[in-house]
């Protein structure tokens, strides 16, 4: 897949921009990244351009992975970005830990969000950055109606979890919240590791 210069320009959505700004403020120079559910790669590619050392992106949809690879090549990031097409939970045993792990708008797209959070956090040496839905009643009702249709086109099922439960699962992995910003649709949060995996045993 070819990506021209205009297509390669990274345009972050508002949620990604918040995560980008906060992570850069904390210092990403020399930091390794793992983005689970990376889409076409915009967020971690922008963080690479801001000084992160390397990134691994994982995405279920093969065509989107190809787009991320093409964009990475067009931006001159191919030597620092690599991609996996598939389910993170199937590859977790072969992946190296990263300084920063990103779950941007992906927790609600996995059938077992607790396991996804637990295994993702286990790969994060320092920071866990997440964005998950603010489950407004109208949005939740709409997704229940649309889910049978969406399953025909998407390889995942939308499943809303209460924010308090997501935060509790993250705290159980040894992380404490260090940043939080809410929009009408999303909770955007960054967690700092407070306990190593070894200390939790």
Protein backbone atom coordinates (compact mmCIF):
# COMPACT_ATOMS: atom_id res chain seq x y z
CA UNK A 1 0.00 0.00 0.00
CA UNK A 2 1.47 3.34 -1.04
CA UNK A 3 1.01 6.39 1.17
CA UNK A 4 1.70 9.77 -0.35
CA UNK A 5 3.18 12.67 1.60
CA UNK A 6 -0.20 14.23 2.34
CA UNK A 7 -1.66 10.96 3.61
CA UNK A 8 1.44 10.36 5.73
CA UNK A 9 0.95 13.56 7.69
CA UNK A 10 -0.16 12.55 11.14
CA UNK A 11 -3.48 13.96 12.31
CA UNK A 12 -4.24 13.02 15.90
CA UNK A 13 -7.81 13.03 17.13
CA UNK A 14 -8.58 15.05 20.25
CA UNK A 15 -8.11 12.09 22.60
CA UNK A 16 -4.77 11.14 21.06
CA UNK A 17 -3.63 14.76 21.23
CA UNK A 18 -4.22 14.80 24.99
CA UNK A 19 -2.26 11.56 25.42
CA UNK A 20 0.52 12.84 23.18
CA UNK A 21 0.84 16.16 25.03
CA UNK A 22 0.88 14.53 28.46
CA UNK A 23 3.36 11.81 27.51
CA UNK A 24 5.71 14.31 25.90
CA UNK A 25 5.48 16.49 28.99
CA UNK A 26 6.64 13.52 31.07
CA UNK A 27 9.54 12.92 28.68
CA UNK A 28 9.50 10.33 25.88
CA UNK A 29 13.08 10.75 24.67
CA UNK A 30 14.70 7.33 24.54
CA UNK A 31 11.54 5.56 25.73
CA UNK A 32 10.20 2.40 24.11
CA UNK A 33 6.51 2.16 23.19
CA UNK A 34 3.97 -0.62 22.84
CA UNK A 35 0.59 0.42 21.42
CA UNK A 36 -2.14 -2.20 21.57
CA UNK A 37 -4.91 -1.59 19.07
CA UNK A 38 -2.72 0.94 17.30
CA UNK A 39 -4.92 1.58 14.26
CA UNK A 40 -2.96 3.27 11.49
CA UNK A 41 -0.21 4.21 13.92
CA UNK A 42 -0.62 7.96 14.29
CA UNK A 43 -0.10 8.26 18.04
CA UNK A 44 3.02 6.18 18.47
CA UNK A 45 4.49 7.50 15.21
CA UNK A 46 4.09 11.04 16.48
CA UNK A 47 5.73 10.02 19.75
CA UNK A 48 8.62 8.54 17.77
CA UNK A 49 9.01 11.88 16.02
CA UNK A 50 9.07 13.50 19.46
CA UNK A 51 12.03 11.37 20.51
CA UNK A 52 10.78 7.93 21.59
CA UNK A 53 13.34 5.27 20.72
CA UNK A 54 11.20 2.50 19.23
CA UNK A 55 7.62 1.32 18.96
CA UNK A 56 5.68 -1.87 18.43
CA UNK A 57 2.11 -1.55 17.19
CA UNK A 58 -0.46 -4.35 17.36
CA UNK A 59 -3.71 -4.22 15.43
CA UNK A 60 -6.36 -6.82 14.60
CA UNK A 61 -7.24 -5.57 11.11
CA UNK A 62 -4.59 -6.51 8.55
CA UNK A 63 -5.40 -3.73 6.08
CA UNK A 64 -4.96 -1.14 8.81
CA UNK A 65 -1.61 -2.67 9.79
CA UNK A 66 -0.50 -2.32 6.18
CA UNK A 67 -1.48 1.33 6.25
CA UNK A 68 0.49 1.86 9.47
CA UNK A 69 3.54 0.20 7.92
CA UNK A 70 3.26 2.31 4.77
CA UNK A 71 2.86 5.51 6.75
CA UNK A 72 5.81 4.58 8.95
CA UNK A 73 7.94 4.07 5.84
CA UNK A 74 6.84 7.38 4.35
CA UNK A 75 7.78 9.18 7.56
CA UNK A 76 11.21 7.55 7.72
CA UNK A 77 10.35 5.59 10.87
CA UNK A 78 10.62 2.04 9.54
CA UNK A 79 13.83 1.36 11.44
CA UNK A 80 12.15 2.22 14.75
CA UNK A 81 8.58 0.96 14.27
CA UNK A 82 7.39 -2.61 13.82
CA UNK A 83 3.90 -4.02 13.52
CA UNK A 84 1.99 -7.18 14.34
CA UNK A 85 -1.33 -8.11 12.79
CA UNK A 86 -3.35 -10.04 15.32
CA UNK A 87 -4.58 -10.32 18.90
CA UNK A 88 -2.21 -8.98 21.56
CA UNK A 89 -3.24 -11.77 23.93
CA UNK A 90 -1.93 -14.34 21.48
CA UNK A 91 1.44 -12.60 21.15
CA UNK A 92 1.98 -11.38 24.71
CA UNK A 93 4.37 -14.19 25.53
CA UNK A 94 6.77 -13.21 22.77
CA UNK A 95 6.68 -9.44 23.23
CA UNK A 96 9.33 -7.48 25.11
CA UNK A 97 8.25 -5.06 27.82
CA UNK A 98 8.14 -1.37 26.90
CA UNK A 99 8.63 1.77 28.94
CA UNK A 100 5.19 3.05 27.90
CA UNK A 101 2.17 0.91 26.97
CA UNK A 102 -0.78 2.59 25.25
CA UNK A 103 -4.41 1.40 25.17
CA UNK A 104 -6.15 4.16 23.22
CA UNK A 105 -9.87 3.42 22.75
CA UNK A 106 -9.36 -0.34 22.79
CA UNK A 107 -10.44 -1.71 26.20
CA UNK A 108 -14.11 -1.67 25.22
CA UNK A 109 -13.31 -3.57 22.00
CA UNK A 110 -12.05 -6.70 23.74
CA UNK A 111 -14.23 -9.54 25.01
CA UNK A 112 -12.18 -9.92 28.22
CA UNK A 113 -11.16 -6.39 29.26
CA UNK A 114 -9.83 -7.46 32.65
CA UNK A 115 -7.32 -9.87 31.11
CA UNK A 116 -6.36 -7.31 28.47
CA UNK A 117 -5.60 -4.72 31.15
CA UNK A 118 -3.72 -7.18 33.33
CA UNK A 119 -1.49 -8.45 30.52
CA UNK A 120 -0.97 -5.00 29.02
CA UNK A 121 0.08 -3.57 32.36
CA UNK A 122 2.51 -6.45 32.84
CA UNK A 123 4.35 -5.20 29.72
CA UNK A 124 4.62 -1.60 30.98
CA UNK A 125 7.84 -0.72 32.77
CA UNK A 126 6.85 2.83 33.72
CA UNK A 127 3.62 4.24 32.25
CA UNK A 128 0.25 2.89 31.14
CA UNK A 129 -1.76 5.34 29.01
CA UNK A 130 -5.45 4.57 28.45
CA UNK A 131 -8.55 6.07 26.90
CA UNK A 132 -11.88 4.36 27.51
CA UNK A 133 -15.53 5.34 27.03
CA UNK A 134 -17.57 7.44 29.37
CA UNK A 135 -20.62 5.13 29.18
CA UNK A 136 -23.42 7.58 28.55
CA UNK A 137 -26.82 5.82 28.63
CA UNK A 138 -27.74 6.90 25.11
CA UNK A 139 -24.40 5.72 23.72
CA UNK A 140 -24.65 2.37 25.47
CA UNK A 141 -28.21 1.87 24.22
CA UNK A 142 -27.19 2.79 20.67
CA UNK A 143 -24.31 0.31 20.71
CA UNK A 144 -26.58 -2.48 21.94
CA UNK A 145 -28.81 -1.87 18.92
CA UNK A 146 -25.92 -1.56 16.46
CA UNK A 147 -23.77 -4.42 17.77
CA UNK A 148 -25.32 -7.15 15.57
CA UNK A 149 -24.64 -5.00 12.50
CA UNK A 150 -21.13 -3.99 13.55
CA UNK A 151 -20.14 -7.62 14.10
CA UNK A 152 -20.63 -8.20 10.38
CA UNK A 153 -17.86 -5.72 9.58
CA UNK A 154 -15.56 -5.61 12.61
CA UNK A 155 -13.52 -8.42 14.22
CA UNK A 156 -14.53 -7.39 17.75
CA UNK A 157 -17.56 -6.73 19.90
CA UNK A 158 -18.06 -3.48 21.78
CA UNK A 159 -18.38 -4.10 25.52
CA UNK A 160 -18.74 -1.24 27.98
CA UNK A 161 -17.23 -1.55 31.45
CA UNK A 162 -17.82 0.89 34.30
CA UNK A 163 -14.90 3.33 34.62
CA UNK A 164 -14.58 2.50 38.32
CA UNK A 165 -14.03 -1.14 37.44
CA UNK A 166 -11.39 -0.36 34.81
CA UNK A 167 -9.53 1.82 37.30
CA UNK A 168 -9.71 -0.89 39.96
CA UNK A 169 -8.26 -3.46 37.56
CA UNK A 170 -5.39 -1.10 36.70
CA UNK A 171 -4.62 -0.40 40.36
CA UNK A 172 -4.49 -4.14 41.01
CA UNK A 173 -1.57 -4.36 38.56
CA UNK A 174 0.59 -1.97 40.62
CA UNK A 175 -0.16 1.34 38.90
CA UNK A 176 -1.40 4.63 40.34
CA UNK A 177 -3.18 7.30 38.30
CA UNK A 178 -1.08 10.40 37.66
CA UNK A 179 -3.25 12.16 35.06
CA UNK A 180 -6.96 12.26 34.26
CA UNK A 181 -9.02 14.28 31.80
CA UNK A 182 -12.63 13.63 30.86
CA UNK A 183 -14.55 14.57 27.74
CA UNK A 184 -18.17 13.95 26.87
CA UNK A 185 -17.19 10.63 25.29
CA UNK A 186 -13.88 9.53 26.83
CA UNK A 187 -11.89 9.14 30.01
CA UNK A 188 -8.22 9.85 29.21
CA UNK A 189 -5.84 8.70 31.92
CA UNK A 190 -2.15 7.98 32.52
CA UNK A 191 -0.93 5.62 35.22
CA UNK A 192 2.53 5.40 36.78
CA UNK A 193 3.95 2.10 37.96
CA UNK A 194 4.20 2.11 41.74
CA UNK A 195 4.89 -1.60 42.27
CA UNK A 196 7.03 -3.91 40.17
CA UNK A 197 5.57 -7.23 39.00
CA UNK A 198 8.07 -9.03 41.25
CA UNK A 199 6.89 -7.08 44.30
CA UNK A 200 3.32 -8.11 43.60
CA UNK A 201 4.11 -11.80 43.86
